[in-house]
Amino acid sequence: MADPELTVTRNDELHRYEIRVDDVLGGFTEFEEIEPGTLRFPHTVTDPAFRGKGLGSVLVAAAMQDVASRGETVVPLCPFVRRYLRENEVEHLRVAWPPESGGGGV
């Protein structure tokens, strides 16, 4: 059996990045534009059927890379996004750590 195809896309209409496993929505990370060029990431969801397969990390990695390529700034409110950013460097990504996140430079 072939590995499933994973694709991550930005869905501006629903204000989220989505990951698809083949053609099935496997999860998403929501964003809110709090000012032009600044996106707050409050929540990430993975479908229970796909948990434990690393989809969340693939999703957030692709979302952060896309945000960096657009020159936007991330405000990581979601615990999963915060943890990802603390553990992984995303080249050219600007992060505005909220005071309650414990921050720590990335």
PDB file of N, CA and C in Angstrom:
ATOM      1  N   MET A   1       0.846  -1.191   0.000  1.00  0.00           N
ATOM      2  CA  MET A   1       0.000   0.000   0.000  1.00  0.00           C
ATOM      3  C   MET A   1       0.887   1.248   0.000  1.00  0.00           C
ATOM      4  N   ALA A   2       0.602   2.181  -0.873  1.00  0.00           N
ATOM      5  CA  ALA A   2       1.390   3.409  -0.999  1.00  0.00           C
ATOM      6  C   ALA A   2       1.109   4.343   0.176  1.00  0.00           C
ATOM      7  N   ASP A   3       2.124   5.139   0.510  1.00  0.00           N
ATOM      8  CA  ASP A   3       1.931   6.152   1.546  1.00  0.00           C
ATOM      9  C   ASP A   3       0.887   7.152   1.072  1.00  0.00           C
ATOM     10  N   PRO A   4       0.071   7.655   2.007  1.00  0.00           N
ATOM     11  CA  PRO A   4      -0.944   8.634   1.601  1.00  0.00           C
ATOM     12  C   PRO A   4      -0.282   9.949   1.184  1.00  0.00           C
ATOM     13  N   GLU A   5      -0.938  10.657   0.288  1.00  0.00           N
ATOM     14  CA  GLU A   5      -0.459  11.969  -0.142  1.00  0.00           C
ATOM     15  C   GLU A   5      -0.944  13.011   0.854  1.00  0.00           C
ATOM     16  N   LEU A   6      -0.003  13.782   1.406  1.00  0.00           N
ATOM     17  CA  LEU A   6      -0.332  14.856   2.345  1.00  0.00           C
ATOM     18  C   LEU A   6      -0.185  16.189   1.634  1.00  0.00           C
ATOM     19  N   THR A   7      -1.220  17.013   1.688  1.00  0.00           N
ATOM     20  CA  THR A   7      -1.147  18.354   1.107  1.00  0.00           C
ATOM     21  C   THR A   7      -1.655  19.359   2.136  1.00  0.00           C
ATOM     22  N   VAL A   8      -0.959  20.487   2.201  1.00  0.00           N
ATOM     23  CA  VAL A   8      -1.353  21.570   3.097  1.00  0.00           C
ATOM     24  C   VAL A   8      -1.674  22.779   2.230  1.00  0.00           C
ATOM     25  N   THR A   9      -2.838  23.367   2.478  1.00  0.00           N
ATOM     26  CA  THR A   9      -3.255  24.556   1.732  1.00  0.00           C
ATOM     27  C   THR A   9      -3.776  25.616   2.693  1.00  0.00           C
ATOM     28  N   ARG A  10      -3.649  26.862   2.270  1.00  0.00           N
ATOM     29  CA  ARG A  10      -4.189  27.976   3.038  1.00  0.00           C
ATOM     30  C   ARG A  10      -5.596  28.240   2.526  1.00  0.00           C
ATOM     31  N   ASN A  11      -6.555  28.231   3.431  1.00  0.00           N
ATOM     32  CA  ASN A  11      -7.948  28.482   3.089  1.00  0.00           C
ATOM     33  C   ASN A  11      -8.319  29.837   3.709  1.00  0.00           C
ATOM     34  N   ASP A  12      -8.162  30.895   2.928  1.00  0.00           N
ATOM     35  CA  ASP A  12      -8.424  32.244   3.449  1.00  0.00           C
ATOM     36  C   ASP A  12      -9.895  32.459   3.777  1.00  0.00           C
ATOM     37  N   GLU A  13     -10.784  31.782   3.071  1.00  0.00           N
ATOM     38  CA  GLU A  13     -12.210  31.937   3.333  1.00  0.00           C
ATOM     39  C   GLU A  13     -12.581  31.456   4.741  1.00  0.00           C
ATOM     40  N   LEU A  14     -11.970  30.340   5.166  1.00  0.00           N
ATOM     41  CA  LEU A  14     -12.243  29.784   6.491  1.00  0.00           C
ATOM     42  C   LEU A  14     -11.191  30.187   7.527  1.00  0.00           C
ATOM     43  N   HIS A  15     -10.198  30.973   7.102  1.00  0.00           N
ATOM     44  CA  HIS A  15      -9.138  31.462   7.996  1.00  0.00           C
ATOM     45  C   HIS A  15      -8.392  30.317   8.665  1.00  0.00           C
ATOM     46  N   ARG A  16      -7.868  29.421   7.822  1.00  0.00           N
ATOM     47  CA  ARG A  16      -7.119  28.305   8.374  1.00  0.00           C
ATOM     48  C   ARG A  16      -6.236  27.668   7.304  1.00  0.00           C
ATOM     49  N   TYR A  17      -5.240  26.948   7.794  1.00  0.00           N
ATOM     50  CA  TYR A  17      -4.446  26.070   6.947  1.00  0.00           C
ATOM     51  C   TYR A  17      -5.003  24.670   7.159  1.00  0.00           C
ATOM     52  N   GLU A  18      -5.156  23.941   6.067  1.00  0.00           N
ATOM     53  CA  GLU A  18      -5.753  22.607   6.132  1.00  0.00           C
ATOM     54  C   GLU A  18      -4.758  21.564   5.635  1.00  0.00           C
ATOM     55  N   ILE A  19      -4.780  20.396   6.271  1.00  0.00           N
ATOM     56  CA  ILE A  19      -3.993  19.271   5.772  1.00  0.00           C
ATOM     57  C   ILE A  19      -4.959  18.199   5.299  1.00  0.00           C
ATOM     58  N   ARG A  20      -4.673  17.695   4.124  1.00  0.00           N
ATOM     59  CA  ARG A  20      -5.486  16.623   3.557  1.00  0.00           C
ATOM     60  C   ARG A  20      -4.635  15.373   3.435  1.00  0.00           C
ATOM     61  N   VAL A  21      -5.254  14.261   3.775  1.00  0.00           N
ATOM     62  CA  VAL A  21      -4.650  12.943   3.617  1.00  0.00           C
ATOM     63  C   VAL A  21      -5.351  12.328   2.427  1.00  0.00           C
ATOM     64  N   ASP A  22      -4.632  12.243   1.317  1.00  0.00           N
ATOM     65  CA  ASP A  22      -5.251  11.968   0.031  1.00  0.00           C
ATOM     66  C   ASP A  22      -6.314  13.062  -0.170  1.00  0.00           C
ATOM     67  N   ASP A  23      -7.596  12.732  -0.201  1.00  0.00           N
ATOM     68  CA  ASP A  23      -8.621  13.762  -0.399  1.00  0.00           C
ATOM     69  C   ASP A  23      -9.449  14.029   0.854  1.00  0.00           C
ATOM     70  N   VAL A  24      -9.001  13.525   2.009  1.00  0.00           N
ATOM     71  CA  VAL A  24      -9.761  13.640   3.251  1.00  0.00           C
ATOM     72  C   VAL A  24      -9.135  14.714   4.138  1.00  0.00           C
ATOM     73  N   LEU A  25      -9.975  15.606   4.673  1.00  0.00           N
ATOM     74  CA  LEU A  25      -9.482  16.631   5.592  1.00  0.00           C
ATOM     75  C   LEU A  25      -8.998  15.941   6.867  1.00  0.00           C
ATOM     76  N   GLY A  26      -7.699  16.092   7.157  1.00  0.00           N
ATOM     77  CA  GLY A  26      -7.117  15.440   8.328  1.00  0.00           C
ATOM     78  C   GLY A  26      -6.964  16.369   9.515  1.00  0.00           C
ATOM     79  N   GLY A  27      -7.012  17.667   9.254  1.00  0.00           N
ATOM     80  CA  GLY A  27      -6.882  18.628  10.344  1.00  0.00           C
ATOM     81  C   GLY A  27      -6.696  20.030   9.810  1.00  0.00           C
ATOM     82  N   PHE A  28      -6.623  20.978  10.749  1.00  0.00           N
ATOM     83  CA  PHE A  28      -6.433  22.372  10.364  1.00  0.00           C
ATOM     84  C   PHE A  28      -5.873  23.160  11.536  1.00  0.00           C
ATOM     85  N   THR A  29      -5.234  24.276  11.216  1.00  0.00           N
ATOM     86  CA  THR A  29      -4.807  25.241  12.224  1.00  0.00           C
ATOM     87  C   THR A  29      -5.423  26.577  11.834  1.00  0.00           C
ATOM     88  N   GLU A  30      -6.171  27.152  12.759  1.00  0.00           N
ATOM     89  CA  GLU A  30      -6.900  28.393  12.490  1.00  0.00           C
ATOM     90  C   GLU A  30      -5.995  29.606  12.669  1.00  0.00           C
ATOM     91  N   PHE A  31      -6.310  30.668  11.922  1.00  0.00           N
ATOM     92  CA  PHE A  31      -5.611  31.937  12.130  1.00  0.00           C
ATOM     93  C   PHE A  31      -6.597  33.086  12.058  1.00  0.00           C
ATOM     94  N   GLU A  32      -6.228  34.160  12.728  1.00  0.00           N
ATOM     95  CA  GLU A  32      -7.008  35.404  12.700  1.00  0.00           C
ATOM     96  C   GLU A  32      -6.040  36.516  12.347  1.00  0.00           C
ATOM     97  N   GLU A  33      -6.389  37.329  11.369  1.00  0.00           N
ATOM     98  CA  GLU A  33      -5.546  38.487  11.051  1.00  0.00           C
ATOM     99  C   GLU A  33      -5.916  39.595  12.027  1.00  0.00           C
ATOM    100  N   ILE A  34      -4.997  39.896  12.950  1.00  0.00           N
ATOM    101  CA  ILE A  34      -5.298  40.889  13.978  1.00  0.00           C
ATOM    102  C   ILE A  34      -4.908  42.296  13.530  1.00  0.00           C
ATOM    103  N   GLU A  35      -4.054  42.368  12.527  1.00  0.00           N
ATOM    104  CA  GLU A  35      -3.724  43.609  11.824  1.00  0.00           C
ATOM    105  C   GLU A  35      -3.054  43.175  10.532  1.00  0.00           C
ATOM    106  N   PRO A  36      -2.955  44.049   9.559  1.00  0.00           N
ATOM    107  CA  PRO A  36      -2.349  43.619   8.294  1.00  0.00           C
ATOM    108  C   PRO A  36      -0.963  43.008   8.508  1.00  0.00           C
ATOM    109  N   GLY A  37      -0.796  41.780   8.032  1.00  0.00           N
ATOM    110  CA  GLY A  37       0.490  41.107   8.119  1.00  0.00           C
ATOM    111  C   GLY A  37       0.779  40.412   9.432  1.00  0.00           C
ATOM    112  N   THR A  38      -0.184  40.393  10.352  1.00  0.00           N
ATOM    113  CA  THR A  38       0.007  39.714  11.641  1.00  0.00           C
ATOM    114  C   THR A  38      -1.131  38.734  11.865  1.00  0.00           C
ATOM    115  N   LEU A  39      -0.760  37.462  12.006  1.00  0.00           N
ATOM    116  CA  LEU A  39      -1.740  36.395  12.164  1.00  0.00           C
ATOM    117  C   LEU A  39      -1.607  35.753  13.536  1.00  0.00           C
ATOM    118  N   ARG A  40      -2.724  35.671  14.226  1.00  0.00           N
ATOM    119  CA  ARG A  40      -2.783  34.983  15.518  1.00  0.00           C
ATOM    120  C   ARG A  40      -3.283  33.563  15.239  1.00  0.00           C
ATOM    121  N   PHE A  41      -2.571  32.578  15.782  1.00  0.00           N
ATOM    122  CA  PHE A  41      -2.941  31.168  15.625  1.00  0.00           C
ATOM    123  C   PHE A  41      -3.487  30.661  16.956  1.00  0.00           C
ATOM    124  N   PRO A  42      -4.834  30.600  17.103  1.00  0.00           N
ATOM    125  CA  PRO A  42      -5.420  30.232  18.390  1.00  0.00           C
ATOM    126  C   PRO A  42      -5.670  28.732  18.594  1.00  0.00           C
ATOM    127  N   HIS A  43      -5.757  27.947  17.505  1.00  0.00           N
ATOM    128  CA  HIS A  43      -6.260  26.585  17.685  1.00  0.00           C
ATOM    129  C   HIS A  43      -5.824  25.685  16.535  1.00  0.00           C
ATOM    130  N   THR A  44      -5.446  24.457  16.867  1.00  0.00           N
ATOM    131  CA  THR A  44      -5.109  23.438  15.866  1.00  0.00           C
ATOM    132  C   THR A  44      -5.912  22.184  16.179  1.00  0.00           C
ATOM    133  N   VAL A  45      -6.453  21.560  15.145  1.00  0.00           N
ATOM    134  CA  VAL A  45      -7.294  20.367  15.297  1.00  0.00           C
ATOM    135  C   VAL A  45      -6.784  19.285  14.345  1.00  0.00           C
ATOM    136  N   THR A  46      -6.687  18.066  14.879  1.00  0.00           N
ATOM    137  CA  THR A  46      -6.394  16.905  14.035  1.00  0.00           C
ATOM    138  C   THR A  46      -7.548  15.926  14.196  1.00  0.00           C
ATOM    139  N   ASP A  47      -8.053  15.420  13.082  1.00  0.00           N
ATOM    140  CA  ASP A  47      -9.122  14.425  13.117  1.00  0.00           C
ATOM    141  C   ASP A  47      -8.636  13.224  13.935  1.00  0.00           C
ATOM    142  N   PRO A  48      -9.449  12.748  14.878  1.00  0.00           N
ATOM    143  CA  PRO A  48      -9.036  11.607  15.707  1.00  0.00           C
ATOM    144  C   PRO A  48      -8.578  10.394  14.894  1.00  0.00           C
ATOM    145  N   ALA A  49      -9.118  10.212  13.702  1.00  0.00           N
ATOM    146  CA  ALA A  49      -8.731   9.074  12.865  1.00  0.00           C
ATOM    147  C   ALA A  49      -7.276   9.161  12.415  1.00  0.00           C
ATOM    148  N   PHE A  50      -6.684  10.381  12.472  1.00  0.00           N
ATOM    149  CA  PHE A  50      -5.318  10.570  11.990  1.00  0.00           C
ATOM    150  C   PHE A  50      -4.333  10.936  13.088  1.00  0.00           C
ATOM    151  N   ARG A  51      -4.764  10.945  14.343  1.00  0.00           N
ATOM    152  CA  ARG A  51      -3.870  11.314  15.441  1.00  0.00           C
ATOM    153  C   ARG A  51      -2.745  10.296  15.594  1.00  0.00           C
ATOM    154  N   GLY A  52      -1.609  10.812  16.032  1.00  0.00           N
ATOM    155  CA  GLY A  52      -0.458   9.945  16.259  1.00  0.00           C
ATOM    156  C   GLY A  52       0.336   9.642  15.006  1.00  0.00           C
ATOM    157  N   LYS A  53       0.029  10.298  13.906  1.00  0.00           N
ATOM    158  CA  LYS A  53       0.711  10.051  12.639  1.00  0.00           C
ATOM    159  C   LYS A  53       1.590  11.230  12.212  1.00  0.00           C
ATOM    160  N   GLY A  54       1.713  12.237  13.078  1.00  0.00           N
ATOM    161  CA  GLY A  54       2.575  13.371  12.764  1.00  0.00           C
ATOM    162  C   GLY A  54       1.944  14.432  11.886  1.00  0.00           C
ATOM    163  N   LEU A  55       0.633  14.337  11.645  1.00  0.00           N
ATOM    164  CA  LEU A  55      -0.017  15.313  10.772  1.00  0.00           C
ATOM    165  C   LEU A  55       0.059  16.723  11.327  1.00  0.00           C
ATOM    166  N   GLY A  56      -0.096  16.885  12.638  1.00  0.00           N
ATOM    167  CA  GLY A  56      -0.051  18.209  13.233  1.00  0.00           C
ATOM    168  C   GLY A  56       1.262  18.909  12.953  1.00  0.00           C
ATOM    169  N   SER A  57       2.361  18.184  13.078  1.00  0.00           N
ATOM    170  CA  SER A  57       3.678  18.772  12.822  1.00  0.00           C
ATOM    171  C   SER A  57       3.852  19.133  11.347  1.00  0.00           C
ATOM    172  N   VAL A  58       3.407  18.253  10.464  1.00  0.00           N
ATOM    173  CA  VAL A  58       3.483  18.543   9.020  1.00  0.00           C
ATOM    174  C   VAL A  58       2.656  19.784   8.702  1.00  0.00           C
ATOM    175  N   LEU A  59       1.460  19.852   9.264  1.00  0.00           N
ATOM    176  CA  LEU A  59       0.556  20.977   9.038  1.00  0.00           C
ATOM    177  C   LEU A  59       1.163  22.290   9.520  1.00  0.00           C
ATOM    178  N   VAL A  60       1.598  22.320  10.772  1.00  0.00           N
ATOM    179  CA  VAL A  60       2.118  23.564  11.342  1.00  0.00           C
ATOM    180  C   VAL A  60       3.425  23.965  10.658  1.00  0.00           C
ATOM    181  N   ALA A  61       4.279  23.001  10.323  1.00  0.00           N
ATOM    182  CA  ALA A  61       5.521  23.321   9.609  1.00  0.00           C
ATOM    183  C   ALA A  61       5.217  24.016   8.282  1.00  0.00           C
ATOM    184  N   ALA A  62       4.297  23.464   7.519  1.00  0.00           N
ATOM    185  CA  ALA A  62       3.948  24.056   6.223  1.00  0.00           C
ATOM    186  C   ALA A  62       3.291  25.420   6.399  1.00  0.00           C
ATOM    187  N   ALA A  63       2.424  25.549   7.394  1.00  0.00           N
ATOM    188  CA  ALA A  63       1.759  26.836   7.640  1.00  0.00           C
ATOM    189  C   ALA A  63       2.782  27.900   8.006  1.00  0.00           C
ATOM    190  N   MET A  64       3.716  27.573   8.900  1.00  0.00           N
ATOM    191  CA  MET A  64       4.718  28.552   9.327  1.00  0.00           C
ATOM    192  C   MET A  64       5.646  28.934   8.177  1.00  0.00           C
ATOM    193  N   GLN A  65       5.999  27.965   7.339  1.00  0.00           N
ATOM    194  CA  GLN A  65       6.831  28.269   6.176  1.00  0.00           C
ATOM    195  C   GLN A  65       6.102  29.199   5.215  1.00  0.00           C
ATOM    196  N   ASP A  66       4.809  28.960   5.027  1.00  0.00           N
ATOM    197  CA  ASP A  66       4.026  29.816   4.139  1.00  0.00           C
ATOM    198  C   ASP A  66       3.913  31.229   4.705  1.00  0.00           C
ATOM    199  N   VAL A  67       3.648  31.331   5.999  1.00  0.00           N
ATOM    200  CA  VAL A  67       3.551  32.644   6.645  1.00  0.00           C
ATOM    201  C   VAL A  67       4.881  33.388   6.493  1.00  0.00           C
ATOM    202  N   ALA A  68       5.991  32.692   6.711  1.00  0.00           N
ATOM    203  CA  ALA A  68       7.314  33.309   6.564  1.00  0.00           C
ATOM    204  C   ALA A  68       7.538  33.792   5.133  1.00  0.00           C
ATOM    205  N   SER A  69       7.135  32.983   4.155  1.00  0.00           N
ATOM    206  CA  SER A  69       7.341  33.354   2.754  1.00  0.00           C
ATOM    207  C   SER A  69       6.512  34.572   2.351  1.00  0.00           C
ATOM    208  N   ARG A  70       5.427  34.814   3.069  1.00  0.00           N
ATOM    209  CA  ARG A  70       4.575  35.967   2.798  1.00  0.00           C
ATOM    210  C   ARG A  70       5.033  37.209   3.565  1.00  0.00           C
ATOM    211  N   GLY A  71       6.032  37.046   4.428  1.00  0.00           N
ATOM    212  CA  GLY A  71       6.525  38.160   5.222  1.00  0.00           C
ATOM    213  C   GLY A  71       5.604  38.550   6.361  1.00  0.00           C
ATOM    214  N   GLU A  72       4.734  37.630   6.765  1.00  0.00           N
ATOM    215  CA  GLU A  72       3.790  37.908   7.845  1.00  0.00           C
ATOM    216  C   GLU A  72       4.397  37.521   9.194  1.00  0.00           C
ATOM    217  N   THR A  73       3.768  37.984  10.256  1.00  0.00           N
ATOM    218  CA  THR A  73       4.192  37.702  11.628  1.00  0.00           C
ATOM    219  C   THR A  73       3.180  36.774  12.280  1.00  0.00           C
ATOM    220  N   VAL A  74       3.682  35.839  13.088  1.00  0.00           N
ATOM    221  CA  VAL A  74       2.845  34.879  13.801  1.00  0.00           C
ATOM    222  C   VAL A  74       2.757  35.261  15.272  1.00  0.00           C
ATOM    223  N   VAL A  75       1.543  35.201  15.808  1.00  0.00           N
ATOM    224  CA  VAL A  75       1.320  35.294  17.250  1.00  0.00           C
ATOM    225  C   VAL A  75       0.803  33.914  17.660  1.00  0.00           C
ATOM    226  N   PRO A  76       1.657  33.094  18.294  1.00  0.00           N
ATOM    227  CA  PRO A  76       1.267  31.712  18.599  1.00  0.00           C
ATOM    228  C   PRO A  76       0.515  31.589  19.924  1.00  0.00           C
ATOM    229  N   LEU A  77      -0.795  31.487  19.848  1.00  0.00           N
ATOM    230  CA  LEU A  77      -1.613  31.254  21.044  1.00  0.00           C
ATOM    231  C   LEU A  77      -1.868  29.772  21.266  1.00  0.00           C
ATOM    232  N   CYS A  78      -1.990  29.015  20.200  1.00  0.00           N
ATOM    233  CA  CYS A  78      -2.242  27.579  20.280  1.00  0.00           C
ATOM    234  C   CYS A  78      -1.035  26.884  20.920  1.00  0.00           C
ATOM    235  N   PRO A  79      -1.267  26.066  21.946  1.00  0.00           N
ATOM    236  CA  PRO A  79      -0.148  25.356  22.585  1.00  0.00           C
ATOM    237  C   PRO A  79       0.668  24.503  21.614  1.00  0.00           C
ATOM    238  N   PHE A  80       0.011  23.881  20.643  1.00  0.00           N
ATOM    239  CA  PHE A  80       0.738  23.055  19.678  1.00  0.00           C
ATOM    240  C   PHE A  80       1.655  23.919  18.814  1.00  0.00           C
ATOM    241  N   VAL A  81       1.157  25.056  18.348  1.00  0.00           N
ATOM    242  CA  VAL A  81       1.967  25.965  17.527  1.00  0.00           C
ATOM    243  C   VAL A  81       3.121  26.528  18.357  1.00  0.00           C
ATOM    244  N   ARG A  82       2.853  26.917  19.598  1.00  0.00           N
ATOM    245  CA  ARG A  82       3.923  27.428  20.475  1.00  0.00           C
ATOM    246  C   ARG A  82       5.025  26.384  20.646  1.00  0.00           C
ATOM    247  N   ARG A  83       4.633  25.149  20.951  1.00  0.00           N
ATOM    248  CA  ARG A  83       5.614  24.083  21.148  1.00  0.00           C
ATOM    249  C   ARG A  83       6.421  23.860  19.874  1.00  0.00           C
ATOM    250  N   TYR A  84       5.737  23.834  18.725  1.00  0.00           N
ATOM    251  CA  TYR A  84       6.436  23.641  17.452  1.00  0.00           C
ATOM    252  C   TYR A  84       7.486  24.735  17.248  1.00  0.00           C
ATOM    253  N   LEU A  85       7.101  25.990  17.492  1.00  0.00           N
ATOM    254  CA  LEU A  85       8.022  27.101  17.262  1.00  0.00           C
ATOM    255  C   LEU A  85       9.177  27.116  18.261  1.00  0.00           C
ATOM    256  N   ARG A  86       8.957  26.654  19.464  1.00  0.00           N
ATOM    257  CA  ARG A  86      10.051  26.568  20.440  1.00  0.00           C
ATOM    258  C   ARG A  86      11.064  25.492  20.039  1.00  0.00           C
ATOM    259  N   GLU A  87      10.589  24.444  19.400  1.00  0.00           N
ATOM    260  CA  GLU A  87      11.443  23.297  19.080  1.00  0.00           C
ATOM    261  C   GLU A  87      12.011  23.322  17.671  1.00  0.00           C
ATOM    262  N   ASN A  88      11.495  24.201  16.810  1.00  0.00           N
ATOM    263  CA  ASN A  88      11.910  24.220  15.400  1.00  0.00           C
ATOM    264  C   ASN A  88      12.137  25.644  14.934  1.00  0.00           C
ATOM    265  N   GLU A  89      13.221  25.843  14.243  1.00  0.00           N
ATOM    266  CA  GLU A  89      13.470  27.154  13.661  1.00  0.00           C
ATOM    267  C   GLU A  89      12.842  27.206  12.271  1.00  0.00           C
ATOM    268  N   VAL A  90      12.119  28.279  12.001  1.00  0.00           N
ATOM    269  CA  VAL A  90      11.521  28.484  10.685  1.00  0.00           C
ATOM    270  C   VAL A  90      12.202  29.715  10.101  1.00  0.00           C
ATOM    271  N   GLU A  91      12.962  29.488   9.063  1.00  0.00           N
ATOM    272  CA  GLU A  91      13.760  30.556   8.474  1.00  0.00           C
ATOM    273  C   GLU A  91      12.883  31.738   8.048  1.00  0.00           C
ATOM    274  N   HIS A  92      13.311  32.918   8.457  1.00  0.00           N
ATOM    275  CA  HIS A  92      12.674  34.199   8.102  1.00  0.00           C
ATOM    276  C   HIS A  92      11.302  34.419   8.747  1.00  0.00           C
ATOM    277  N   LEU A  93      10.896  33.545   9.662  1.00  0.00           N
ATOM    278  CA  LEU A  93       9.596  33.734  10.308  1.00  0.00           C
ATOM    279  C   LEU A  93       9.726  34.731  11.455  1.00  0.00           C
ATOM    280  N   ARG A  94       8.826  35.709  11.470  1.00  0.00           N
ATOM    281  CA  ARG A  94       8.758  36.658  12.577  1.00  0.00           C
ATOM    282  C   ARG A  94       7.690  36.156  13.551  1.00  0.00           C
ATOM    283  N   VAL A  95       8.084  36.061  14.822  1.00  0.00           N
ATOM    284  CA  VAL A  95       7.176  35.580  15.856  1.00  0.00           C
ATOM    285  C   VAL A  95       7.016  36.665  16.907  1.00  0.00           C
ATOM    286  N   ALA A  96       5.775  37.004  17.221  1.00  0.00           N
ATOM    287  CA  ALA A  96       5.458  37.947  18.300  1.00  0.00           C
ATOM    288  C   ALA A  96       4.900  37.106  19.438  1.00  0.00           C
ATOM    289  N   TRP A  97       5.774  36.742  20.392  1.00  0.00           N
ATOM    290  CA  TRP A  97       5.357  35.876  21.495  1.00  0.00           C
ATOM    291  C   TRP A  97       4.410  36.625  22.407  1.00  0.00           C
ATOM    292  N   PRO A  98       3.239  36.068  22.668  1.00  0.00           N
ATOM    293  CA  PRO A  98       2.327  36.703  23.632  1.00  0.00           C
ATOM    294  C   PRO A  98       2.908  36.539  25.034  1.00  0.00           C
ATOM    295  N   PRO A  99       2.655  37.481  25.923  1.00  0.00           N
ATOM    296  CA  PRO A  99       3.229  37.432  27.268  1.00  0.00           C
ATOM    297  C   PRO A  99       2.953  36.125  28.004  1.00  0.00           C
ATOM    298  N   GLU A 100       1.767  35.561  27.864  1.00  0.00           N
ATOM    299  CA  GLU A 100       1.405  34.350  28.605  1.00  0.00           C
ATOM    300  C   GLU A 100       2.059  33.095  28.053  1.00  0.00           C
ATOM    301  N   SER A 101       2.720  33.178  26.892  1.00  0.00           N
ATOM    302  CA  SER A 101       3.285  31.975  26.280  1.00  0.00           C
ATOM    303  C   SER A 101       4.602  31.560  26.900  1.00  0.00           C
ATOM    304  N   GLY A 102       5.189  32.406  27.705  1.00  0.00           N
ATOM    305  CA  GLY A 102       6.501  32.080  28.237  1.00  0.00           C
ATOM    306  C   GLY A 102       7.596  32.434  27.252  1.00  0.00           C
ATOM    307  N   GLY A 103       7.193  32.767  26.038  1.00  0.00           N
ATOM    308  CA  GLY A 103       8.111  33.290  25.038  1.00  0.00           C
ATOM    309  C   GLY A 103       9.325  32.436  24.804  1.00  0.00           C
ATOM    310  N   GLY A 104      10.432  33.039  25.034  1.00  0.00           N
ATOM    311  CA  GLY A 104      11.673  32.369  24.670  1.00  0.00           C
ATOM    312  C   GLY A 104      11.916  32.609  23.211  1.00  0.00           C
ATOM    313  N   GLY A 105      13.025  33.130  22.888  1.00  0.00           N
ATOM    314  CA  GLY A 105      13.310  33.449  21.497  1.00  0.00           C
ATOM    315  C   GLY A 105      13.416  32.196  20.652  1.00  0.00           C
ATOM    316  N   VAL A 106      13.023  32.343  19.417  1.00  0.00           N
ATOM    317  CA  VAL A 106      13.177  31.250  18.460  1.00  0.00           C
ATOM    318  C   VAL A 106      14.209  31.663  17.455  1.00  0.00           C
TER     319      VAL A 106
END
